Amino acid sequence: MPQNQYIEESYRRNGRRFDHEERLRKKRAREPKKISKMAGKLRGIKAKLFAKKRYTEKATMKKTIKAHQEKDAKTKDADEVKGGAVPAYLMDREMIKRTKVLSNMIKQKRKEKAGKWQVPIPKVKAMTEDEMFKIMRSGKRKRKMWKRVVNKISFVGDSFTRKPPKFEKYIRPSALRMKKAHVTHPELKMTFCLDMVSVKKNPQSALYTSLGVITKGTIIEVNVSELGLVTQTGKVIWAKYAQVTNNPDVDGCINALLLV
């Protein structure tokens, strides 16, 4: 059993307190007062950062509520009776009022923006910093230890240029860089060797995402122009997201599943 799941294991074996739900409800009820008190006490840069965080949370909540309210529905106007005679060719039609409809493409874009994908691997094992990086000693007497060598497979773009040695903290070895991935299409049941465009999100950390480190569960963007995929409007899809399903540093290649 992983060391970080002992609390969940205890709940599973012994259960929770008999008043757990009630305590949780009271804690949630106290939350707004606690936030309000904190907002009143904070000063300076901390207050600015806190206000920015709260603003983002509120904006996200409003967007979510609005998205739920905009339903793809049709409602009949039973009560509404229009004056005047109705033409013969309109007699058999129902008087339908269409509410605001969000197209599938806009919904898909919203989901991608929010980062909510239906992924094959929703949870991955957490990695320690020792697994990810190796300390590289530098300086005349090798006493400086601020440099790190990335131990995992990484992706670097074509326009990448290394920084001067004195300013480069994270070193990505050339032998551990990859530009192609074996992507499987779930509906076609076929695998294609495609070029990678970028690393969208690494579930381990935002730092690994910015470094382009690829581990199991990472969302990568691949060039699918060769597959000939098109949108509903007939435009060619150049790139799509895929999730890495293997451990690239162990297997020596990147296997991924296309997110359709």
C-alpha atoms as a PDB file:
ATOM      1  CA  MET A   1       0.000   0.000   0.000  1.00  0.00           C
ATOM      2  CA  PRO A   2       1.366   3.471  -0.844  1.00  0.00           C
ATOM      3  CA  GLN A   3       2.387   5.451   2.210  1.00  0.00           C
ATOM      4  CA  ASN A   4       0.173   8.415   1.285  1.00  0.00           C
ATOM      5  CA  GLN A   5      -3.136   6.479   1.456  1.00  0.00           C
ATOM      6  CA  TYR A   6      -3.108   5.423   5.123  1.00  0.00           C
ATOM      7  CA  ILE A   7      -5.968   7.782   6.034  1.00  0.00           C
ATOM      8  CA  GLU A   8      -8.249   6.348   3.305  1.00  0.00           C
ATOM      9  CA  GLU A   9      -7.274   2.833   4.429  1.00  0.00           C
ATOM     10  CA  SER A  10      -8.219   3.693   8.028  1.00  0.00           C
ATOM     11  CA  TYR A  11     -11.636   4.985   6.875  1.00  0.00           C
ATOM     12  CA  ARG A  12     -12.196   1.799   4.905  1.00  0.00           C
ATOM     13  CA  ARG A  13     -11.332  -0.462   7.833  1.00  0.00           C
ATOM     14  CA  ASN A  14     -12.814   1.392  10.803  1.00  0.00           C
ATOM     15  CA  GLY A  15     -15.331   3.787   9.235  1.00  0.00           C
ATOM     16  CA  ARG A  16     -15.795   7.430  10.258  1.00  0.00           C
ATOM     17  CA  ARG A  17     -17.140   9.145  13.392  1.00  0.00           C
ATOM     18  CA  PHE A  18     -20.894   8.809  13.895  1.00  0.00           C
ATOM     19  CA  ASP A  19     -21.312  12.612  13.691  1.00  0.00           C
ATOM     20  CA  HIS A  20     -18.928  13.044  10.711  1.00  0.00           C
ATOM     21  CA  GLU A  21     -21.595  14.452   8.329  1.00  0.00           C
ATOM     22  CA  GLU A  22     -22.872  16.921  10.928  1.00  0.00           C
ATOM     23  CA  ARG A  23     -19.361  18.170  11.731  1.00  0.00           C
ATOM     24  CA  LEU A  24     -18.617  18.539   8.019  1.00  0.00           C
ATOM     25  CA  ARG A  25     -21.847  20.514   7.497  1.00  0.00           C
ATOM     26  CA  LYS A  26     -20.978  22.878  10.354  1.00  0.00           C
ATOM     27  CA  LYS A  27     -17.439  23.328   9.045  1.00  0.00           C
ATOM     28  CA  ARG A  28     -18.782  24.278   5.599  1.00  0.00           C
ATOM     29  CA  ALA A  29     -21.245  26.698   7.231  1.00  0.00           C
ATOM     30  CA  ARG A  30     -18.357  28.395   9.105  1.00  0.00           C
ATOM     31  CA  GLU A  31     -16.254  28.698   5.928  1.00  0.00           C
ATOM     32  CA  PRO A  32     -17.724  32.029   4.618  1.00  0.00           C
ATOM     33  CA  LYS A  33     -17.230  33.724   8.022  1.00  0.00           C
ATOM     34  CA  LYS A  34     -13.667  32.436   8.165  1.00  0.00           C
ATOM     35  CA  ILE A  35     -12.907  33.784   4.673  1.00  0.00           C
ATOM     36  CA  SER A  36     -14.539  37.115   5.512  1.00  0.00           C
ATOM     37  CA  LYS A  37     -12.468  37.442   8.692  1.00  0.00           C
ATOM     38  CA  MET A  38      -9.269  36.620   6.808  1.00  0.00           C
ATOM     39  CA  ALA A  39     -10.077  39.142   4.054  1.00  0.00           C
ATOM     40  CA  GLY A  40     -10.516  41.861   6.682  1.00  0.00           C
ATOM     41  CA  LYS A  41      -7.234  41.098   8.464  1.00  0.00           C
ATOM     42  CA  LEU A  42      -4.903  40.735   5.463  1.00  0.00           C
ATOM     43  CA  ARG A  43      -2.795  43.715   4.398  1.00  0.00           C
ATOM     44  CA  GLY A  44      -0.487  44.583   1.509  1.00  0.00           C
ATOM     45  CA  ILE A  45       0.539  42.044  -1.143  1.00  0.00           C
ATOM     46  CA  LYS A  46      -1.150  39.160   0.716  1.00  0.00           C
ATOM     47  CA  ALA A  47      -4.486  40.984   0.567  1.00  0.00           C
ATOM     48  CA  LYS A  48      -4.068  41.603  -3.178  1.00  0.00           C
ATOM     49  CA  LEU A  49      -3.252  37.949  -3.879  1.00  0.00           C
ATOM     50  CA  PHE A  50      -6.169  36.776  -1.721  1.00  0.00           C
ATOM     51  CA  ALA A  51      -8.610  39.159  -3.478  1.00  0.00           C
ATOM     52  CA  LYS A  52      -7.390  37.962  -6.884  1.00  0.00           C
ATOM     53  CA  LYS A  53      -7.886  34.320  -5.864  1.00  0.00           C
ATOM     54  CA  ARG A  54     -11.415  35.002  -4.561  1.00  0.00           C
ATOM     55  CA  TYR A  55     -12.313  36.916  -7.737  1.00  0.00           C
ATOM     56  CA  THR A  56     -11.200  33.958  -9.886  1.00  0.00           C
ATOM     57  CA  GLU A  57     -13.221  31.511  -7.753  1.00  0.00           C
ATOM     58  CA  LYS A  58     -16.373  33.648  -7.987  1.00  0.00           C
ATOM     59  CA  ALA A  59     -15.992  34.129 -11.754  1.00  0.00           C
ATOM     60  CA  THR A  60     -15.587  30.349 -12.245  1.00  0.00           C
ATOM     61  CA  MET A  61     -18.660  29.680 -10.096  1.00  0.00           C
ATOM     62  CA  LYS A  62     -20.771  32.172 -12.085  1.00  0.00           C
ATOM     63  CA  LYS A  63     -19.644  30.646 -15.375  1.00  0.00           C
ATOM     64  CA  THR A  64     -20.534  27.146 -14.154  1.00  0.00           C
ATOM     65  CA  ILE A  65     -23.997  28.253 -13.014  1.00  0.00           C
ATOM     66  CA  LYS A  66     -24.597  30.039 -16.318  1.00  0.00           C
ATOM     67  CA  ALA A  67     -23.506  26.979 -18.317  1.00  0.00           C
ATOM     68  CA  HIS A  68     -26.004  24.824 -16.356  1.00  0.00           C
ATOM     69  CA  GLN A  69     -28.825  27.302 -16.951  1.00  0.00           C
ATOM     70  CA  GLU A  70     -28.292  27.392 -20.726  1.00  0.00           C
ATOM     71  CA  LYS A  71     -29.967  24.116 -21.627  1.00  0.00           C
ATOM     72  CA  ASP A  72     -30.264  22.602 -25.062  1.00  0.00           C
ATOM     73  CA  ALA A  73     -34.070  22.389 -24.835  1.00  0.00           C
ATOM     74  CA  LYS A  74     -37.223  23.052 -26.809  1.00  0.00           C
ATOM     75  CA  THR A  75     -40.333  24.326 -25.070  1.00  0.00           C
ATOM     76  CA  LYS A  76     -43.820  24.308 -26.527  1.00  0.00           C
ATOM     77  CA  ASP A  77     -45.854  27.473 -26.399  1.00  0.00           C
ATOM     78  CA  ALA A  78     -49.166  25.960 -25.288  1.00  0.00           C
ATOM     79  CA  ASP A  79     -50.636  29.152 -23.862  1.00  0.00           C
ATOM     80  CA  GLU A  80     -49.466  31.523 -26.556  1.00  0.00           C
ATOM     81  CA  VAL A  81     -52.078  32.017 -29.298  1.00  0.00           C
ATOM     82  CA  LYS A  82     -51.119  34.167 -32.242  1.00  0.00           C
ATOM     83  CA  GLY A  83     -53.698  36.438 -33.772  1.00  0.00           C
ATOM     84  CA  GLY A  84     -54.773  36.000 -37.408  1.00  0.00           C
ATOM     85  CA  ALA A  85     -55.197  32.962 -39.626  1.00  0.00           C
ATOM     86  CA  VAL A  86     -52.402  30.364 -39.855  1.00  0.00           C
ATOM     87  CA  PRO A  87     -51.508  29.189 -43.405  1.00  0.00           C
ATOM     88  CA  ALA A  88     -52.362  25.587 -44.357  1.00  0.00           C
ATOM     89  CA  TYR A  89     -48.745  24.506 -44.631  1.00  0.00           C
ATOM     90  CA  LEU A  90     -48.108  25.615 -40.996  1.00  0.00           C
ATOM     91  CA  MET A  91     -51.151  23.876 -39.499  1.00  0.00           C
ATOM     92  CA  ASP A  92     -49.388  20.577 -38.722  1.00  0.00           C
ATOM     93  CA  ARG A  93     -46.324  22.260 -37.184  1.00  0.00           C
ATOM     94  CA  GLU A  94     -45.964  22.734 -33.447  1.00  0.00           C
ATOM     95  CA  MET A  95     -45.326  26.199 -32.157  1.00  0.00           C
ATOM     96  CA  ILE A  96     -41.824  25.717 -30.775  1.00  0.00           C
ATOM     97  CA  LYS A  97     -39.671  28.273 -29.017  1.00  0.00           C
ATOM     98  CA  ARG A  98     -35.958  27.450 -29.046  1.00  0.00           C
ATOM     99  CA  THR A  99     -33.926  28.520 -26.032  1.00  0.00           C
ATOM    100  CA  LYS A 100     -30.309  29.569 -26.319  1.00  0.00           C
ATOM    101  CA  VAL A 101     -28.369  26.574 -27.626  1.00  0.00           C
ATOM    102  CA  LEU A 102     -24.646  26.163 -27.207  1.00  0.00           C
ATOM    103  CA  SER A 103     -23.138  24.293 -30.144  1.00  0.00           C
ATOM    104  CA  ASN A 104     -21.011  21.207 -29.564  1.00  0.00           C
ATOM    105  CA  MET A 105     -17.919  22.989 -30.816  1.00  0.00           C
ATOM    106  CA  ILE A 106     -18.229  25.808 -28.248  1.00  0.00           C
ATOM    107  CA  LYS A 107     -18.849  23.280 -25.471  1.00  0.00           C
ATOM    108  CA  GLN A 108     -15.777  21.331 -26.531  1.00  0.00           C
ATOM    109  CA  LYS A 109     -13.665  24.499 -26.525  1.00  0.00           C
ATOM    110  CA  ARG A 110     -14.939  25.405 -23.047  1.00  0.00           C
ATOM    111  CA  LYS A 111     -14.055  21.959 -21.757  1.00  0.00           C
ATOM    112  CA  GLU A 112     -10.585  22.169 -23.250  1.00  0.00           C
ATOM    113  CA  LYS A 113     -10.090  25.637 -21.769  1.00  0.00           C
ATOM    114  CA  ALA A 114     -11.159  24.436 -18.338  1.00  0.00           C
ATOM    115  CA  GLY A 115      -8.977  21.355 -18.701  1.00  0.00           C
ATOM    116  CA  LYS A 116     -11.851  18.936 -18.080  1.00  0.00           C
ATOM    117  CA  TRP A 117     -11.140  15.967 -20.317  1.00  0.00           C
ATOM    118  CA  GLN A 118     -12.644  12.517 -20.065  1.00  0.00           C
ATOM    119  CA  VAL A 119      -9.260  10.827 -19.797  1.00  0.00           C
ATOM    120  CA  PRO A 120      -8.462   7.081 -19.807  1.00  0.00           C
ATOM    121  CA  ILE A 121      -6.174   7.407 -16.743  1.00  0.00           C
ATOM    122  CA  PRO A 122      -7.849   9.834 -14.282  1.00  0.00           C
ATOM    123  CA  LYS A 123      -5.351   9.264 -11.421  1.00  0.00           C
ATOM    124  CA  VAL A 124      -1.597   8.688 -11.429  1.00  0.00           C
ATOM    125  CA  LYS A 125       0.954   7.812  -8.773  1.00  0.00           C
ATOM    126  CA  ALA A 126       2.718  10.855  -7.333  1.00  0.00           C
ATOM    127  CA  MET A 127       6.453  11.192  -7.990  1.00  0.00           C
ATOM    128  CA  THR A 128       9.094  12.541  -5.648  1.00  0.00           C
ATOM    129  CA  GLU A 129      11.621  15.183  -6.676  1.00  0.00           C
ATOM    130  CA  ASP A 130      14.424  12.630  -6.297  1.00  0.00           C
ATOM    131  CA  GLU A 131      12.809  10.432  -8.960  1.00  0.00           C
ATOM    132  CA  MET A 132      12.397  13.353 -11.356  1.00  0.00           C
ATOM    133  CA  PHE A 133      15.689  15.239 -10.899  1.00  0.00           C
ATOM    134  CA  LYS A 134      19.330  14.477 -10.223  1.00  0.00           C
ATOM    135  CA  ILE A 135      21.519  17.060  -8.478  1.00  0.00           C
ATOM    136  CA  MET A 136      24.369  18.295 -10.644  1.00  0.00           C
ATOM    137  CA  ARG A 137      27.351  19.786  -8.847  1.00  0.00           C
ATOM    138  CA  SER A 138      28.948  22.841 -10.445  1.00  0.00           C
ATOM    139  CA  GLY A 139      31.606  25.434  -9.779  1.00  0.00           C
ATOM    140  CA  LYS A 140      35.394  25.163  -9.587  1.00  0.00           C
ATOM    141  CA  ARG A 141      35.361  22.922  -6.498  1.00  0.00           C
ATOM    142  CA  LYS A 142      31.983  21.278  -7.281  1.00  0.00           C
ATOM    143  CA  ARG A 143      30.389  22.754  -4.163  1.00  0.00           C
ATOM    144  CA  LYS A 144      27.437  24.442  -5.826  1.00  0.00           C
ATOM    145  CA  MET A 145      24.335  22.253  -6.027  1.00  0.00           C
ATOM    146  CA  TRP A 146      21.632  24.432  -7.617  1.00  0.00           C
ATOM    147  CA  LYS A 147      21.543  22.664 -11.001  1.00  0.00           C
ATOM    148  CA  ARG A 148      19.151  19.786 -11.745  1.00  0.00           C
ATOM    149  CA  VAL A 149      19.285  17.136 -14.485  1.00  0.00           C
ATOM    150  CA  VAL A 150      15.881  15.813 -15.605  1.00  0.00           C
ATOM    151  CA  ASN A 151      15.778  11.992 -15.395  1.00  0.00           C
ATOM    152  CA  LYS A 152      12.549  11.560 -17.362  1.00  0.00           C
ATOM    153  CA  ILE A 153      11.650  11.752 -21.047  1.00  0.00           C
ATOM    154  CA  SER A 154      10.981  15.319 -22.164  1.00  0.00           C
ATOM    155  CA  PHE A 155       9.732  17.153 -25.245  1.00  0.00           C
ATOM    156  CA  VAL A 156      11.528  20.206 -26.603  1.00  0.00           C
ATOM    157  CA  GLY A 157      10.287  22.287 -29.556  1.00  0.00           C
ATOM    158  CA  ASP A 158      12.241  22.861 -32.776  1.00  0.00           C
ATOM    159  CA  SER A 159      12.968  26.490 -31.901  1.00  0.00           C
ATOM    160  CA  PHE A 160      14.507  25.569 -28.507  1.00  0.00           C
ATOM    161  CA  THR A 161      17.865  27.126 -27.595  1.00  0.00           C
ATOM    162  CA  ARG A 162      19.711  26.258 -24.414  1.00  0.00           C
ATOM    163  CA  LYS A 163      20.567  28.990 -21.944  1.00  0.00           C
ATOM    164  CA  PRO A 164      24.180  29.790 -21.076  1.00  0.00           C
ATOM    165  CA  PRO A 165      25.586  27.318 -18.460  1.00  0.00           C
ATOM    166  CA  LYS A 166      25.604  29.964 -15.704  1.00  0.00           C
ATOM    167  CA  PHE A 167      21.840  30.576 -16.064  1.00  0.00           C
ATOM    168  CA  GLU A 168      20.529  27.087 -16.877  1.00  0.00           C
ATOM    169  CA  LYS A 169      19.019  25.486 -13.788  1.00  0.00           C
ATOM    170  CA  TYR A 170      17.154  22.538 -15.381  1.00  0.00           C
ATOM    171  CA  ILE A 171      19.135  20.445 -17.887  1.00  0.00           C
ATOM    172  CA  ARG A 172      17.223  18.155 -20.248  1.00  0.00           C
ATOM    173  CA  PRO A 173      19.683  15.645 -21.771  1.00  0.00           C
ATOM    174  CA  SER A 174      19.500  15.221 -25.564  1.00  0.00           C
ATOM    175  CA  ALA A 175      19.289  11.417 -25.177  1.00  0.00           C
ATOM    176  CA  LEU A 176      16.053  11.758 -23.177  1.00  0.00           C
ATOM    177  CA  ARG A 177      14.284  14.065 -25.649  1.00  0.00           C
ATOM    178  CA  MET A 178      11.525  12.725 -27.896  1.00  0.00           C
ATOM    179  CA  LYS A 179       9.509  14.275 -30.714  1.00  0.00           C
ATOM    180  CA  LYS A 180       7.243  11.428 -31.850  1.00  0.00           C
ATOM    181  CA  ALA A 181       4.518   9.420 -30.110  1.00  0.00           C
ATOM    182  CA  HIS A 182       2.627   6.209 -30.949  1.00  0.00           C
ATOM    183  CA  VAL A 183      -0.975   7.410 -30.759  1.00  0.00           C
ATOM    184  CA  THR A 184      -3.906   4.975 -30.817  1.00  0.00           C
ATOM    185  CA  HIS A 185      -7.294   6.126 -32.141  1.00  0.00           C
ATOM    186  CA  PRO A 186      -9.956   4.558 -29.836  1.00  0.00           C
ATOM    187  CA  GLU A 187     -12.661   4.379 -32.535  1.00  0.00           C
ATOM    188  CA  LEU A 188     -10.524   3.318 -35.515  1.00  0.00           C
ATOM    189  CA  LYS A 189      -8.526   0.849 -33.327  1.00  0.00           C
ATOM    190  CA  MET A 190      -5.359   1.849 -35.172  1.00  0.00           C
ATOM    191  CA  THR A 191      -2.016   3.241 -34.020  1.00  0.00           C
ATOM    192  CA  PHE A 192      -0.155   6.048 -35.788  1.00  0.00           C
ATOM    193  CA  CYS A 193       3.350   7.454 -35.251  1.00  0.00           C
ATOM    194  CA  LEU A 194       2.659  11.201 -34.965  1.00  0.00           C
ATOM    195  CA  ASP A 195       4.751  14.299 -34.284  1.00  0.00           C
ATOM    196  CA  MET A 196       4.259  16.014 -30.937  1.00  0.00           C
ATOM    197  CA  VAL A 197       3.322  19.702 -30.893  1.00  0.00           C
ATOM    198  CA  SER A 198       3.495  20.474 -27.160  1.00  0.00           C
ATOM    199  CA  VAL A 199       3.005  19.164 -23.626  1.00  0.00           C
ATOM    200  CA  LYS A 200      -0.389  20.467 -22.466  1.00  0.00           C
ATOM    201  CA  LYS A 201      -0.476  19.259 -18.863  1.00  0.00           C
ATOM    202  CA  ASN A 202       1.605  17.014 -16.628  1.00  0.00           C
ATOM    203  CA  PRO A 203      -0.491  15.843 -13.628  1.00  0.00           C
ATOM    204  CA  GLN A 204       2.580  15.758 -11.371  1.00  0.00           C
ATOM    205  CA  SER A 205       3.325  19.494 -11.335  1.00  0.00           C
ATOM    206  CA  ALA A 206       3.083  22.757 -13.268  1.00  0.00           C
ATOM    207  CA  LEU A 207       6.903  22.868 -13.270  1.00  0.00           C
ATOM    208  CA  TYR A 208       7.081  19.569 -15.177  1.00  0.00           C
ATOM    209  CA  THR A 209       4.505  20.918 -17.660  1.00  0.00           C
ATOM    210  CA  SER A 210       6.638  23.993 -18.352  1.00  0.00           C
ATOM    211  CA  LEU A 211       9.763  21.825 -18.702  1.00  0.00           C
ATOM    212  CA  GLY A 212       7.947  19.509 -21.126  1.00  0.00           C
ATOM    213  CA  VAL A 213       8.526  16.398 -18.973  1.00  0.00           C
ATOM    214  CA  ILE A 214       6.448  13.408 -20.113  1.00  0.00           C
ATOM    215  CA  THR A 215       5.314  10.819 -17.560  1.00  0.00           C
ATOM    216  CA  LYS A 216       2.350   8.455 -17.336  1.00  0.00           C
ATOM    217  CA  GLY A 217      -0.952  10.372 -17.523  1.00  0.00           C
ATOM    218  CA  THR A 218       0.516  13.467 -19.245  1.00  0.00           C
ATOM    219  CA  ILE A 219      -1.723  15.242 -21.773  1.00  0.00           C
ATOM    220  CA  ILE A 220       0.213  15.917 -24.986  1.00  0.00           C
ATOM    221  CA  GLU A 221      -0.791  17.696 -28.186  1.00  0.00           C
ATOM    222  CA  VAL A 222      -0.096  15.744 -31.382  1.00  0.00           C
ATOM    223  CA  ASN A 223      -0.205  16.678 -35.067  1.00  0.00           C
ATOM    224  CA  VAL A 224      -3.151  14.767 -36.632  1.00  0.00           C
ATOM    225  CA  SER A 225      -3.133  16.409 -40.055  1.00  0.00           C
ATOM    226  CA  GLU A 226      -2.115  13.055 -41.610  1.00  0.00           C
ATOM    227  CA  LEU A 227      -5.295  11.364 -40.304  1.00  0.00           C
ATOM    228  CA  GLY A 228      -7.569  13.703 -42.283  1.00  0.00           C
ATOM    229  CA  LEU A 229      -9.885  14.579 -39.373  1.00  0.00           C
ATOM    230  CA  VAL A 230     -12.357  17.426 -39.920  1.00  0.00           C
ATOM    231  CA  THR A 231     -14.698  19.477 -37.699  1.00  0.00           C
ATOM    232  CA  GLN A 232     -18.496  19.721 -38.064  1.00  0.00           C
ATOM    233  CA  THR A 233     -18.036  22.780 -40.274  1.00  0.00           C
ATOM    234  CA  GLY A 234     -15.571  20.970 -42.546  1.00  0.00           C
ATOM    235  CA  LYS A 235     -12.339  22.554 -41.303  1.00  0.00           C
ATOM    236  CA  VAL A 236      -9.233  20.356 -41.078  1.00  0.00           C
ATOM    237  CA  ILE A 237      -8.104  19.500 -37.530  1.00  0.00           C
ATOM    238  CA  TRP A 238      -4.351  20.030 -37.277  1.00  0.00           C
ATOM    239  CA  ALA A 239      -3.764  18.987 -33.669  1.00  0.00           C
ATOM    240  CA  LYS A 240      -5.562  17.018 -30.956  1.00  0.00           C
ATOM    241  CA  TYR A 241      -4.867  16.028 -27.368  1.00  0.00           C
ATOM    242  CA  ALA A 242      -3.754  12.545 -26.319  1.00  0.00           C
ATOM    243  CA  GLN A 243      -2.949  11.004 -22.933  1.00  0.00           C
ATOM    244  CA  VAL A 244       0.247   9.041 -22.338  1.00  0.00           C
ATOM    245  CA  THR A 245      -0.619   5.522 -21.150  1.00  0.00           C
ATOM    246  CA  ASN A 246       2.842   4.057 -20.470  1.00  0.00           C
ATOM    247  CA  ASN A 247       6.047   4.974 -18.644  1.00  0.00           C
ATOM    248  CA  PRO A 248       8.203   6.425 -21.453  1.00  0.00           C
ATOM    249  CA  ASP A 249      11.466   6.324 -19.470  1.00  0.00           C
ATOM    250  CA  VAL A 250      10.999   2.561 -18.874  1.00  0.00           C
ATOM    251  CA  ASP A 251       9.715   1.539 -22.337  1.00  0.00           C
ATOM    252  CA  GLY A 252      11.867   3.893 -24.391  1.00  0.00           C
ATOM    253  CA  CYS A 253       8.888   5.127 -26.433  1.00  0.00           C
ATOM    254  CA  ILE A 254       5.709   7.181 -25.905  1.00  0.00           C
ATOM    255  CA  ASN A 255       2.386   5.352 -26.225  1.00  0.00           C
ATOM    256  CA  ALA A 256      -0.717   7.529 -26.028  1.00  0.00           C
ATOM    257  CA  LEU A 257      -4.485   7.330 -26.499  1.00  0.00           C
ATOM    258  CA  LEU A 258      -6.211  10.011 -28.567  1.00  0.00           C
ATOM    259  CA  LEU A 259      -8.896  11.996 -26.695  1.00  0.00           C
ATOM    260  CA  VAL A 260     -11.813  12.054 -29.141  1.00  0.00           C
END
